[in-house]
Amino acid sequence: MNFGQLFGKKGASKKPPKQDKNEQTTLMLDQKIQEQELRLNNLETKANALQEEAKAKLKAGDKAGAKRALAKKKKYVEQMKQIEGAMAMMEEQKMMLDNTLQMKDVMSAIKQGNQAVKEASKGMSVEDLEKMKEDMEDVKADQEELNDFFKDYADQNNEDVEEDLENLEEELAKEANAVLPSANIEKLNPERVKQKNEEDDLNNFLAGV
């Protein structure tokens, strides 16, 4: 029996989490750009050295040697241009990849948001809202009709009370006229007293005639 398999191997290292393909591509581009920068610096150093060599040979009168040095330098310069172009392309690819990943995240967020809106809108529709509006209008109309009914009922009761109040006032006036002495009738009803005095004067005049 393998006890290592039974109890687990001590100090066994866990596998690192698998990187996303896009992350691997980004890291690869970074690495290649750094490598090309080293190559570019190396070629630039060699090209500068050949430039100095050509100057020295020319000063020494060795024109052929100076030409060979310059020709070799020219090849290094051409390689440098190729590397610079490759680096520019890889930088552009890296930027495009980063932008694509950013847009992918944005699109994923928008998609998730749309899904959430759909989930939240389940069971709701324009028809449902229209039906709810109609129901509310019906309820409102019923309430207004009920309010008008009670208002009319209250107005009818008020009319009956007004009539009762007038009758009570007349009754109290009759009782006051019957109880109060004639001296107080004028205070109670001055117009009635004036009319009575005029009638008395007319009767006295007719009696004298």
N, C-alpha and C. Protein backbone atom coordinates (compact mmCIF):
# COMPACT_ATOMS: atom_id res chain seq x y z
N MET A 1 0.84 -1.20 0.00
CA MET A 1 0.00 0.00 0.00
C MET A 1 0.87 1.24 0.00
N ASN A 2 0.48 2.20 -0.77
CA ASN A 2 1.22 3.45 -0.84
C ASN A 2 0.69 4.38 0.23
N PHE A 3 1.47 4.51 1.35
CA PHE A 3 1.03 5.37 2.47
C PHE A 3 1.01 6.84 2.07
N GLY A 4 1.82 7.18 1.10
CA GLY A 4 1.81 8.57 0.64
C GLY A 4 0.48 8.94 0.02
N GLN A 5 -0.09 7.98 -0.74
CA GLN A 5 -1.40 8.25 -1.32
C GLN A 5 -2.49 8.23 -0.28
N LEU A 6 -2.34 7.37 0.77
CA LEU A 6 -3.36 7.25 1.81
C LEU A 6 -3.43 8.48 2.68
N PHE A 7 -2.30 8.96 3.16
CA PHE A 7 -2.27 10.09 4.09
C PHE A 7 -1.91 11.41 3.41
N GLY A 8 -1.50 11.34 2.17
CA GLY A 8 -1.10 12.57 1.49
C GLY A 8 0.37 12.82 1.67
N LYS A 9 1.04 13.23 0.60
CA LYS A 9 2.47 13.49 0.67
C LYS A 9 2.72 14.79 1.40
N LYS A 10 3.63 14.76 2.35
CA LYS A 10 3.96 15.94 3.12
C LYS A 10 4.68 16.95 2.23
N GLY A 11 4.21 18.16 2.32
CA GLY A 11 4.86 19.23 1.57
C GLY A 11 4.53 19.23 0.10
N ALA A 12 3.48 18.47 -0.29
CA ALA A 12 3.11 18.46 -1.70
C ALA A 12 2.60 19.83 -2.12
N SER A 13 3.11 20.37 -3.19
CA SER A 13 2.75 21.72 -3.62
C SER A 13 1.46 21.67 -4.43
N LYS A 14 0.62 22.67 -4.20
CA LYS A 14 -0.62 22.77 -4.95
C LYS A 14 -0.35 23.35 -6.32
N LYS A 15 -1.17 22.94 -7.29
CA LYS A 15 -1.01 23.46 -8.64
C LYS A 15 -1.43 24.93 -8.67
N PRO A 16 -0.63 25.76 -9.32
CA PRO A 16 -1.02 27.17 -9.41
C PRO A 16 -2.30 27.31 -10.22
N PRO A 17 -3.09 28.33 -9.91
CA PRO A 17 -4.34 28.52 -10.67
C PRO A 17 -4.05 28.78 -12.14
N LYS A 18 -4.86 28.19 -12.96
CA LYS A 18 -4.67 28.31 -14.41
C LYS A 18 -4.97 29.74 -14.85
N GLN A 19 -4.05 30.28 -15.62
CA GLN A 19 -4.22 31.65 -16.08
C GLN A 19 -5.15 31.70 -17.29
N ASP A 20 -5.85 32.80 -17.40
CA ASP A 20 -6.70 33.02 -18.55
C ASP A 20 -5.83 33.18 -19.81
N LYS A 21 -6.39 32.78 -20.94
CA LYS A 21 -5.64 32.83 -22.18
C LYS A 21 -5.24 34.26 -22.53
N ASN A 22 -6.13 35.19 -22.28
CA ASN A 22 -5.82 36.59 -22.55
C ASN A 22 -4.70 37.11 -21.64
N GLU A 23 -4.73 36.68 -20.37
CA GLU A 23 -3.66 37.08 -19.46
C GLU A 23 -2.32 36.49 -19.91
N GLN A 24 -2.34 35.25 -20.36
CA GLN A 24 -1.11 34.63 -20.86
C GLN A 24 -0.57 35.40 -22.07
N THR A 25 -1.48 35.81 -22.96
CA THR A 25 -1.05 36.56 -24.14
C THR A 25 -0.45 37.90 -23.74
N THR A 26 -1.04 38.56 -22.78
CA THR A 26 -0.52 39.85 -22.32
C THR A 26 0.87 39.69 -21.72
N LEU A 27 1.05 38.67 -20.90
CA LEU A 27 2.36 38.42 -20.29
C LEU A 27 3.39 38.07 -21.38
N MET A 28 2.98 37.30 -22.35
CA MET A 28 3.89 36.93 -23.44
C MET A 28 4.33 38.16 -24.22
N LEU A 29 3.38 39.07 -24.51
CA LEU A 29 3.74 40.28 -25.24
C LEU A 29 4.70 41.14 -24.43
N ASP A 30 4.46 41.25 -23.13
CA ASP A 30 5.37 42.03 -22.27
C ASP A 30 6.77 41.43 -22.30
N GLN A 31 6.83 40.11 -22.22
CA GLN A 31 8.13 39.45 -22.22
C GLN A 31 8.86 39.67 -23.54
N LYS A 32 8.15 39.54 -24.65
CA LYS A 32 8.77 39.71 -25.96
C LYS A 32 9.23 41.16 -26.17
N ILE A 33 8.45 42.10 -25.68
CA ILE A 33 8.85 43.50 -25.81
C ILE A 33 10.14 43.76 -25.03
N GLN A 34 10.21 43.21 -23.83
CA GLN A 34 11.44 43.38 -23.03
C GLN A 34 12.64 42.73 -23.73
N GLU A 35 12.43 41.55 -24.31
CA GLU A 35 13.53 40.88 -25.01
C GLU A 35 14.01 41.72 -26.20
N GLN A 36 13.06 42.29 -26.94
CA GLN A 36 13.43 43.10 -28.10
C GLN A 36 14.12 44.40 -27.68
N GLU A 37 13.76 44.92 -26.52
CA GLU A 37 14.45 46.11 -26.01
C GLU A 37 15.91 45.80 -25.72
N LEU A 38 16.17 44.60 -25.15
CA LEU A 38 17.55 44.20 -24.89
C LEU A 38 18.32 44.05 -26.21
N ARG A 39 17.70 43.42 -27.19
CA ARG A 39 18.34 43.27 -28.50
C ARG A 39 18.63 44.63 -29.12
N LEU A 40 17.65 45.54 -29.00
CA LEU A 40 17.81 46.87 -29.59
C LEU A 40 18.96 47.62 -28.94
N ASN A 41 19.07 47.52 -27.62
CA ASN A 41 20.17 48.18 -26.93
C ASN A 41 21.52 47.58 -27.33
N ASN A 42 21.53 46.25 -27.49
CA ASN A 42 22.76 45.57 -27.88
C ASN A 42 23.20 46.00 -29.29
N LEU A 43 22.23 46.05 -30.22
CA LEU A 43 22.56 46.45 -31.59
C LEU A 43 22.97 47.92 -31.65
N GLU A 44 22.34 48.73 -30.83
CA GLU A 44 22.71 50.14 -30.81
C GLU A 44 24.14 50.32 -30.31
N THR A 45 24.52 49.52 -29.31
CA THR A 45 25.90 49.59 -28.81
C THR A 45 26.90 49.18 -29.90
N LYS A 46 26.55 48.11 -30.63
CA LYS A 46 27.45 47.65 -31.71
C LYS A 46 27.53 48.68 -32.84
N ALA A 47 26.39 49.29 -33.17
CA ALA A 47 26.37 50.28 -34.25
C ALA A 47 27.23 51.50 -33.86
N ASN A 48 27.13 51.91 -32.62
CA ASN A 48 27.94 53.05 -32.17
C ASN A 48 29.43 52.70 -32.18
N ALA A 49 29.73 51.46 -31.82
CA ALA A 49 31.14 51.04 -31.84
C ALA A 49 31.68 51.02 -33.27
N LEU A 50 30.87 50.57 -34.22
CA LEU A 50 31.31 50.55 -35.61
C LEU A 50 31.47 51.96 -36.16
N GLN A 51 30.63 52.88 -35.68
CA GLN A 51 30.77 54.29 -36.10
C GLN A 51 32.12 54.84 -35.65
N GLU A 52 32.48 54.54 -34.41
CA GLU A 52 33.77 55.01 -33.90
C GLU A 52 34.92 54.32 -34.64
N GLU A 53 34.70 53.04 -34.96
CA GLU A 53 35.75 52.30 -35.70
C GLU A 53 35.96 52.90 -37.08
N ALA A 54 34.88 53.27 -37.75
CA ALA A 54 34.99 53.87 -39.09
C ALA A 54 35.73 55.19 -39.01
N LYS A 55 35.46 55.98 -37.97
CA LYS A 55 36.17 57.25 -37.80
C LYS A 55 37.67 57.02 -37.63
N ALA A 56 37.98 56.05 -36.80
CA ALA A 56 39.40 55.77 -36.53
C ALA A 56 40.12 55.31 -37.79
N LYS A 57 39.50 54.39 -38.57
CA LYS A 57 40.13 53.91 -39.79
C LYS A 57 40.29 55.02 -40.82
N LEU A 58 39.27 55.90 -40.87
CA LEU A 58 39.35 57.00 -41.82
C LEU A 58 40.49 57.95 -41.46
N LYS A 59 40.65 58.17 -40.14
CA LYS A 59 41.76 59.03 -39.70
C LYS A 59 43.10 58.37 -40.03
N ALA A 60 43.13 57.06 -39.97
CA ALA A 60 44.38 56.34 -40.26
C ALA A 60 44.62 56.18 -41.75
N GLY A 61 43.68 56.63 -42.58
CA GLY A 61 43.85 56.55 -44.03
C GLY A 61 43.35 55.26 -44.62
N ASP A 62 42.66 54.45 -43.80
CA ASP A 62 42.14 53.16 -44.28
C ASP A 62 40.67 53.36 -44.69
N LYS A 63 40.48 53.86 -45.89
CA LYS A 63 39.13 54.12 -46.36
C LYS A 63 38.34 52.83 -46.56
N ALA A 64 39.03 51.79 -47.03
CA ALA A 64 38.34 50.51 -47.26
C ALA A 64 37.84 49.94 -45.95
N GLY A 65 38.68 50.01 -44.91
CA GLY A 65 38.27 49.52 -43.59
C GLY A 65 37.11 50.35 -43.04
N ALA A 66 37.16 51.68 -43.27
CA ALA A 66 36.07 52.55 -42.80
C ALA A 66 34.77 52.19 -43.50
N LYS A 67 34.83 51.89 -44.83
CA LYS A 67 33.62 51.51 -45.56
C LYS A 67 33.03 50.21 -45.02
N ARG A 68 33.92 49.23 -44.74
CA ARG A 68 33.43 47.95 -44.22
C ARG A 68 32.73 48.15 -42.87
N ALA A 69 33.31 49.01 -42.03
CA ALA A 69 32.70 49.26 -40.72
C ALA A 69 31.34 49.94 -40.88
N LEU A 70 31.26 50.91 -41.78
CA LEU A 70 29.99 51.61 -42.01
C LEU A 70 28.93 50.67 -42.61
N ALA A 71 29.35 49.76 -43.52
CA ALA A 71 28.42 48.81 -44.13
C ALA A 71 27.85 47.86 -43.07
N LYS A 72 28.75 47.42 -42.17
CA LYS A 72 28.29 46.54 -41.09
C LYS A 72 27.35 47.28 -40.14
N LYS A 73 27.69 48.54 -39.88
CA LYS A 73 26.83 49.36 -39.03
C LYS A 73 25.45 49.52 -39.66
N LYS A 74 25.42 49.69 -41.00
CA LYS A 74 24.16 49.88 -41.69
C LYS A 74 23.25 48.66 -41.51
N LYS A 75 23.83 47.47 -41.53
CA LYS A 75 23.03 46.25 -41.32
C LYS A 75 22.45 46.23 -39.91
N TYR A 76 23.26 46.65 -38.94
CA TYR A 76 22.76 46.72 -37.56
C TYR A 76 21.60 47.73 -37.46
N VAL A 77 21.76 48.85 -38.15
CA VAL A 77 20.70 49.87 -38.12
C VAL A 77 19.41 49.32 -38.72
N GLU A 78 19.53 48.54 -39.84
CA GLU A 78 18.34 47.95 -40.45
C GLU A 78 17.68 46.96 -39.49
N GLN A 79 18.47 46.17 -38.78
CA GLN A 79 17.91 45.25 -37.78
C GLN A 79 17.21 46.02 -36.66
N MET A 80 17.80 47.14 -36.29
CA MET A 80 17.20 47.96 -35.24
C MET A 80 15.83 48.50 -35.67
N LYS A 81 15.73 48.90 -36.95
CA LYS A 81 14.45 49.39 -37.45
C LYS A 81 13.41 48.28 -37.45
N GLN A 82 13.84 47.06 -37.83
CA GLN A 82 12.91 45.93 -37.81
C GLN A 82 12.41 45.66 -36.39
N ILE A 83 13.35 45.70 -35.45
CA ILE A 83 12.97 45.44 -34.05
C ILE A 83 12.04 46.54 -33.54
N GLU A 84 12.33 47.78 -33.89
CA GLU A 84 11.47 48.88 -33.46
C GLU A 84 10.06 48.72 -34.03
N GLY A 85 9.97 48.29 -35.29
CA GLY A 85 8.66 48.05 -35.89
C GLY A 85 7.91 46.92 -35.20
N ALA A 86 8.66 45.84 -34.90
CA ALA A 86 8.03 44.70 -34.21
C ALA A 86 7.55 45.11 -32.82
N MET A 87 8.36 45.89 -32.13
CA MET A 87 7.98 46.35 -30.79
C MET A 87 6.74 47.23 -30.85
N ALA A 88 6.70 48.12 -31.86
CA ALA A 88 5.54 48.99 -32.00
C ALA A 88 4.28 48.17 -32.27
N MET A 89 4.43 47.13 -33.08
CA MET A 89 3.27 46.28 -33.39
C MET A 89 2.80 45.54 -32.14
N MET A 90 3.77 45.01 -31.37
CA MET A 90 3.39 44.28 -30.15
C MET A 90 2.76 45.22 -29.11
N GLU A 91 3.28 46.44 -29.03
CA GLU A 91 2.67 47.42 -28.11
C GLU A 91 1.23 47.71 -28.53
N GLU A 92 1.02 47.85 -29.84
CA GLU A 92 -0.33 48.12 -30.33
C GLU A 92 -1.26 46.93 -30.05
N GLN A 93 -0.72 45.71 -30.26
CA GLN A 93 -1.52 44.52 -29.97
C GLN A 93 -1.90 44.45 -28.48
N LYS A 94 -0.95 44.79 -27.65
CA LYS A 94 -1.21 44.77 -26.21
C LYS A 94 -2.30 45.78 -25.84
N MET A 95 -2.22 46.98 -26.42
CA MET A 95 -3.23 48.00 -26.15
C MET A 95 -4.60 47.55 -26.66
N MET A 96 -4.62 46.95 -27.85
CA MET A 96 -5.89 46.48 -28.40
C MET A 96 -6.48 45.37 -27.53
N LEU A 97 -5.61 44.49 -27.06
CA LEU A 97 -6.08 43.40 -26.20
C LEU A 97 -6.63 43.94 -24.89
N ASP A 98 -5.91 44.89 -24.29
CA ASP A 98 -6.38 45.48 -23.04
C ASP A 98 -7.73 46.18 -23.24
N ASN A 99 -7.85 46.90 -24.36
CA ASN A 99 -9.10 47.60 -24.64
C ASN A 99 -10.24 46.61 -24.88
N THR A 100 -9.92 45.51 -25.59
CA THR A 100 -10.93 44.50 -25.85
C THR A 100 -11.42 43.86 -24.55
N LEU A 101 -10.48 43.59 -23.65
CA LEU A 101 -10.86 43.00 -22.36
C LEU A 101 -11.72 43.96 -21.55
N GLN A 102 -11.35 45.25 -21.61
CA GLN A 102 -12.16 46.24 -20.90
C GLN A 102 -13.57 46.30 -21.47
N MET A 103 -13.69 46.32 -22.79
CA MET A 103 -15.00 46.35 -23.42
C MET A 103 -15.78 45.07 -23.15
N LYS A 104 -15.05 43.95 -23.06
CA LYS A 104 -15.71 42.69 -22.73
C LYS A 104 -16.32 42.76 -21.34
N ASP A 105 -15.59 43.34 -20.40
CA ASP A 105 -16.12 43.50 -19.05
C ASP A 105 -17.35 44.41 -19.05
N VAL A 106 -17.26 45.49 -19.85
CA VAL A 106 -18.40 46.42 -19.94
C VAL A 106 -19.61 45.70 -20.52
N MET A 107 -19.40 44.96 -21.61
CA MET A 107 -20.51 44.24 -22.23
C MET A 107 -21.10 43.20 -21.28
N SER A 108 -20.23 42.55 -20.52
CA SER A 108 -20.71 41.57 -19.55
C SER A 108 -21.57 42.24 -18.48
N ALA A 109 -21.12 43.43 -18.03
CA ALA A 109 -21.89 44.16 -17.02
C ALA A 109 -23.24 44.60 -17.58
N ILE A 110 -23.24 45.09 -18.84
CA ILE A 110 -24.50 45.51 -19.47
C ILE A 110 -25.44 44.31 -19.63
N LYS A 111 -24.89 43.19 -20.05
CA LYS A 111 -25.69 41.99 -20.22
C LYS A 111 -26.29 41.56 -18.89
N GLN A 112 -25.47 41.59 -17.84
CA GLN A 112 -25.96 41.22 -16.52
C GLN A 112 -27.05 42.19 -16.05
N GLY A 113 -26.83 43.49 -16.34
CA GLY A 113 -27.84 44.48 -15.97
C GLY A 113 -29.15 44.25 -16.69
N ASN A 114 -29.09 43.95 -18.00
CA ASN A 114 -30.30 43.67 -18.76
C ASN A 114 -31.03 42.45 -18.22
N GLN A 115 -30.27 41.44 -17.84
CA GLN A 115 -30.88 40.24 -17.29
C GLN A 115 -31.58 40.55 -15.97
N ALA A 116 -30.94 41.41 -15.15
CA ALA A 116 -31.55 41.78 -13.88
C ALA A 116 -32.84 42.57 -14.10
N VAL A 117 -32.83 43.45 -15.11
CA VAL A 117 -34.04 44.22 -15.43
C VAL A 117 -35.16 43.28 -15.87
N LYS A 118 -34.82 42.30 -16.71
CA LYS A 118 -35.82 41.34 -17.17
C LYS A 118 -36.40 40.56 -15.99
N GLU A 119 -35.53 40.13 -15.08
CA GLU A 119 -36.00 39.38 -13.92
C GLU A 119 -36.92 40.24 -13.06
N ALA A 120 -36.50 41.52 -12.87
CA ALA A 120 -37.30 42.42 -12.03
C ALA A 120 -38.62 42.79 -12.70
N SER A 121 -38.68 42.74 -14.04
CA SER A 121 -39.88 43.15 -14.77
C SER A 121 -40.84 42.00 -15.03
N LYS A 122 -40.49 40.82 -14.56
CA LYS A 122 -41.38 39.69 -14.78
C LYS A 122 -42.72 39.94 -14.08
N GLY A 123 -43.80 39.60 -14.79
CA GLY A 123 -45.13 39.82 -14.22
C GLY A 123 -45.65 41.23 -14.41
N MET A 124 -44.88 42.08 -15.07
CA MET A 124 -45.30 43.45 -15.32
C MET A 124 -45.38 43.67 -16.82
N SER A 125 -46.43 44.38 -17.23
CA SER A 125 -46.58 44.71 -18.64
C SER A 125 -47.39 45.99 -18.76
N VAL A 126 -47.41 46.54 -19.95
CA VAL A 126 -48.20 47.76 -20.19
C VAL A 126 -49.68 47.47 -19.98
N GLU A 127 -50.11 46.26 -20.40
CA GLU A 127 -51.51 45.90 -20.20
C GLU A 127 -51.87 45.86 -18.72
N ASP A 128 -50.94 45.33 -17.91
CA ASP A 128 -51.20 45.29 -16.46
C ASP A 128 -51.31 46.69 -15.88
N LEU A 129 -50.44 47.58 -16.33
CA LEU A 129 -50.48 48.95 -15.84
C LEU A 129 -51.78 49.65 -16.25
N GLU A 130 -52.22 49.41 -17.49
CA GLU A 130 -53.48 50.00 -17.95
C GLU A 130 -54.65 49.48 -17.13
N LYS A 131 -54.63 48.17 -16.84
CA LYS A 131 -55.70 47.58 -16.03
C LYS A 131 -55.70 48.17 -14.62
N MET A 132 -54.50 48.34 -14.04
CA MET A 132 -54.40 48.94 -12.71
C MET A 132 -54.92 50.37 -12.74
N LYS A 133 -54.62 51.11 -13.80
CA LYS A 133 -55.11 52.48 -13.91
C LYS A 133 -56.62 52.52 -13.98
N GLU A 134 -57.22 51.62 -14.79
CA GLU A 134 -58.67 51.57 -14.89
C GLU A 134 -59.31 51.23 -13.55
N ASP A 135 -58.71 50.28 -12.84
CA ASP A 135 -59.24 49.91 -11.52
C ASP A 135 -59.19 51.09 -10.56
N MET A 136 -58.08 51.84 -10.60
CA MET A 136 -57.96 53.00 -9.72
C MET A 136 -59.00 54.06 -10.07
N GLU A 137 -59.25 54.26 -11.37
CA GLU A 137 -60.26 55.23 -11.78
C GLU A 137 -61.65 54.80 -11.31
N ASP A 138 -61.93 53.49 -11.38
CA ASP A 138 -63.22 52.98 -10.91
C ASP A 138 -63.39 53.20 -9.41
N VAL A 139 -62.32 52.90 -8.67
CA VAL A 139 -62.38 53.10 -7.22
C VAL A 139 -62.58 54.57 -6.89
N LYS A 140 -61.87 55.43 -7.62
CA LYS A 140 -62.00 56.87 -7.39
C LYS A 140 -63.42 57.34 -7.69
N ALA A 141 -64.04 56.85 -8.77
CA ALA A 141 -65.41 57.23 -9.11
C ALA A 141 -66.38 56.76 -8.04
N ASP A 142 -66.18 55.54 -7.53
CA ASP A 142 -67.05 55.03 -6.47
C ASP A 142 -66.94 55.89 -5.21
N GLN A 143 -65.73 56.30 -4.87
CA GLN A 143 -65.54 57.14 -3.69
C GLN A 143 -66.22 58.50 -3.86
N GLU A 144 -66.09 59.08 -5.05
CA GLU A 144 -66.73 60.37 -5.29
C GLU A 144 -68.25 60.25 -5.23
N GLU A 145 -68.79 59.16 -5.78
CA GLU A 145 -70.23 58.95 -5.73
C GLU A 145 -70.71 58.78 -4.29
N LEU A 146 -69.92 58.04 -3.50
CA LEU A 146 -70.27 57.85 -2.10
C LEU A 146 -70.22 59.17 -1.34
N ASN A 147 -69.20 59.99 -1.61
CA ASN A 147 -69.10 61.29 -0.96
C ASN A 147 -70.28 62.20 -1.32
N ASP A 148 -70.66 62.18 -2.61
CA ASP A 148 -71.81 62.99 -3.04
C ASP A 148 -73.09 62.53 -2.34
N PHE A 149 -73.24 61.22 -2.17
CA PHE A 149 -74.43 60.70 -1.50
C PHE A 149 -74.53 61.22 -0.07
N PHE A 150 -73.44 61.11 0.67
CA PHE A 150 -73.46 61.58 2.07
C PHE A 150 -73.64 63.09 2.14
N LYS A 151 -73.06 63.80 1.16
CA LYS A 151 -73.21 65.25 1.15
C LYS A 151 -74.67 65.64 0.93
N ASP A 152 -75.33 64.99 -0.04
CA ASP A 152 -76.74 65.26 -0.29
C ASP A 152 -77.60 64.91 0.92
N TYR A 153 -77.27 63.81 1.56
CA TYR A 153 -78.02 63.40 2.75
C TYR A 153 -77.87 64.43 3.86
N ALA A 154 -76.64 64.94 4.01
CA ALA A 154 -76.41 65.95 5.04
C ALA A 154 -77.16 67.25 4.71
N ASP A 155 -77.21 67.62 3.42
CA ASP A 155 -77.93 68.84 3.03
C ASP A 155 -79.42 68.70 3.32
N GLN A 156 -80.00 67.51 3.06
CA GLN A 156 -81.41 67.28 3.35
C GLN A 156 -81.69 67.42 4.84
N ASN A 157 -80.84 66.86 5.64
CA ASN A 157 -81.02 66.98 7.09
C ASN A 157 -80.92 68.43 7.53
N ASN A 158 -80.03 69.18 6.91
CA ASN A 158 -79.89 70.59 7.27
C ASN A 158 -81.16 71.38 6.91
N GLU A 159 -81.79 71.03 5.77
CA GLU A 159 -83.04 71.72 5.40
C GLU A 159 -84.12 71.45 6.43
N ASP A 160 -84.23 70.21 6.88
CA ASP A 160 -85.23 69.87 7.92
C ASP A 160 -84.94 70.62 9.20
N VAL A 161 -83.69 70.74 9.55
CA VAL A 161 -83.32 71.44 10.78
C VAL A 161 -83.63 72.92 10.65
N GLU A 162 -83.40 73.50 9.50
CA GLU A 162 -83.71 74.91 9.31
C GLU A 162 -85.20 75.17 9.50
N GLU A 163 -86.02 74.30 8.96
CA GLU A 163 -87.48 74.44 9.12
C GLU A 163 -87.87 74.32 10.58
N ASP A 164 -87.29 73.34 11.28
CA ASP A 164 -87.58 73.18 12.70
C ASP A 164 -87.14 74.40 13.49
N LEU A 165 -86.01 74.98 13.09
CA LEU A 165 -85.51 76.15 13.80
C LEU A 165 -86.46 77.35 13.63
N GLU A 166 -86.98 77.52 12.42
CA GLU A 166 -87.94 78.62 12.20
C GLU A 166 -89.20 78.42 13.02
N ASN A 167 -89.69 77.21 13.05
CA ASN A 167 -90.89 76.93 13.86
C ASN A 167 -90.64 77.21 15.33
N LEU A 168 -89.45 76.83 15.81
CA LEU A 168 -89.14 77.06 17.22
C LEU A 168 -89.04 78.54 17.52
N GLU A 169 -88.47 79.31 16.60
CA GLU A 169 -88.38 80.75 16.81
C GLU A 169 -89.77 81.40 16.88
N GLU A 170 -90.67 80.95 16.01
CA GLU A 170 -92.04 81.49 16.06
C GLU A 170 -92.74 81.14 17.36
N GLU A 171 -92.51 79.92 17.78
CA GLU A 171 -93.12 79.48 19.04
C GLU A 171 -92.60 80.29 20.22
N LEU A 172 -91.29 80.53 20.25
CA LEU A 172 -90.72 81.34 21.33
C LEU A 172 -91.23 82.77 21.28
N ALA A 173 -91.42 83.31 20.07
CA ALA A 173 -91.93 84.67 19.95
C ALA A 173 -93.35 84.78 20.49
N LYS A 174 -94.18 83.77 20.19
CA LYS A 174 -95.55 83.76 20.71
C LYS A 174 -95.55 83.68 22.23
N GLU A 175 -94.72 82.82 22.77
CA GLU A 175 -94.65 82.69 24.22
C GLU A 175 -94.19 83.99 24.86
N ALA A 176 -93.23 84.67 24.23
CA ALA A 176 -92.74 85.94 24.78
C ALA A 176 -93.82 87.00 24.75
N ASN A 177 -94.61 87.05 23.69
CA ASN A 177 -95.69 88.03 23.60
C ASN A 177 -96.76 87.77 24.64
N ALA A 178 -97.01 86.52 24.95
CA ALA A 178 -98.05 86.19 25.91
C ALA A 178 -97.61 86.44 27.35
N VAL A 179 -96.35 86.32 27.63
CA VAL A 179 -95.87 86.42 29.02
C VAL A 179 -95.47 87.83 29.36
N LEU A 180 -94.79 88.54 28.45
CA LEU A 180 -94.27 89.86 28.77
C LEU A 180 -95.38 90.88 28.87
N PRO A 181 -95.29 91.88 29.77
CA PRO A 181 -96.28 92.95 29.86
C PRO A 181 -96.22 93.84 28.64
N SER A 182 -97.30 94.62 28.47
CA SER A 182 -97.39 95.48 27.30
C SER A 182 -96.30 96.50 27.23
N ALA A 183 -95.73 96.85 28.39
CA ALA A 183 -94.63 97.82 28.41
C ALA A 183 -93.41 97.30 27.72
N ASN A 184 -93.31 95.95 27.73
CA ASN A 184 -92.11 95.35 27.11
C ASN A 184 -92.34 94.91 25.69
N ILE A 185 -93.62 95.06 25.20
CA ILE A 185 -93.91 94.63 23.83
C ILE A 185 -93.14 95.47 22.83
N GLU A 186 -93.04 96.80 23.16
CA GLU A 186 -92.33 97.70 22.26
C GLU A 186 -90.88 97.30 22.09
N LYS A 187 -90.30 96.87 23.22
CA LYS A 187 -88.91 96.42 23.12
C LYS A 187 -88.79 95.15 22.30
N LEU A 188 -89.87 94.32 22.43
CA LEU A 188 -89.79 93.04 21.72
C LEU A 188 -90.06 93.20 20.24
N ASN A 189 -91.15 94.07 19.89
CA ASN A 189 -91.54 94.23 18.50
C ASN A 189 -91.97 95.67 18.28
N PRO A 190 -91.08 96.60 18.04
CA PRO A 190 -91.41 98.03 17.90
C PRO A 190 -92.37 98.29 16.75
N GLU A 191 -92.26 97.59 15.64
CA GLU A 191 -93.14 97.83 14.51
C GLU A 191 -94.57 97.46 14.83
N ARG A 192 -94.73 96.39 15.56
CA ARG A 192 -96.09 95.96 15.96
C ARG A 192 -96.73 96.98 16.91
N VAL A 193 -95.94 97.51 17.83
CA VAL A 193 -96.45 98.52 18.77
C VAL A 193 -96.86 99.78 18.04
N LYS A 194 -96.07 100.22 17.08
CA LYS A 194 -96.39 101.42 16.30
C LYS A 194 -97.69 101.24 15.55
N GLN A 195 -97.86 100.07 14.94
CA GLN A 195 -99.10 99.81 14.21
C GLN A 195 -100.30 99.81 15.14
N LYS A 196 -100.11 99.24 16.33
CA LYS A 196 -101.22 99.19 17.30
C LYS A 196 -101.60 100.60 17.75
N ASN A 197 -100.63 101.48 17.99
CA ASN A 197 -100.90 102.86 18.41
C ASN A 197 -101.65 103.62 17.34
N GLU A 198 -101.29 103.40 16.07
CA GLU A 198 -101.99 104.06 14.98
C GLU A 198 -103.44 103.61 14.90
N GLU A 199 -103.64 102.32 15.12
CA GLU A 199 -105.02 101.81 15.11
C GLU A 199 -105.83 102.40 16.26
N ASP A 200 -105.20 102.54 17.45
CA ASP A 200 -105.90 103.10 18.60
C ASP A 200 -106.26 104.57 18.35
N ASP A 201 -105.35 105.33 17.76
CA ASP A 201 -105.64 106.74 17.48
C ASP A 201 -106.78 106.87 16.49
N LEU A 202 -106.83 106.01 15.50
CA LEU A 202 -107.89 106.06 14.51
C LEU A 202 -109.24 105.74 15.15
N ASN A 203 -109.22 104.72 15.99
CA ASN A 203 -110.46 104.35 16.68
C ASN A 203 -110.95 105.47 17.57
N ASN A 204 -110.07 106.15 18.30
CA ASN A 204 -110.47 107.26 19.20
C ASN A 204 -111.03 108.41 18.38
N PHE A 205 -110.45 108.71 17.23
CA PHE A 205 -110.91 109.82 16.39
C PHE A 205 -112.32 109.54 15.89
N LEU A 206 -112.54 108.32 15.45
CA LEU A 206 -113.84 107.94 14.94
C LEU A 206 -114.90 107.98 16.05
N ALA A 207 -114.50 107.60 17.26
CA ALA A 207 -115.44 107.63 18.37
C ALA A 207 -115.82 109.04 18.72
N GLY A 208 -114.97 110.01 18.60
CA GLY A 208 -115.24 111.41 18.93
C GLY A 208 -116.16 112.02 17.92
N VAL A 209 -116.06 111.54 16.69
CA VAL A 209 -116.93 112.08 15.66
C VAL A 209 -118.35 111.67 15.93
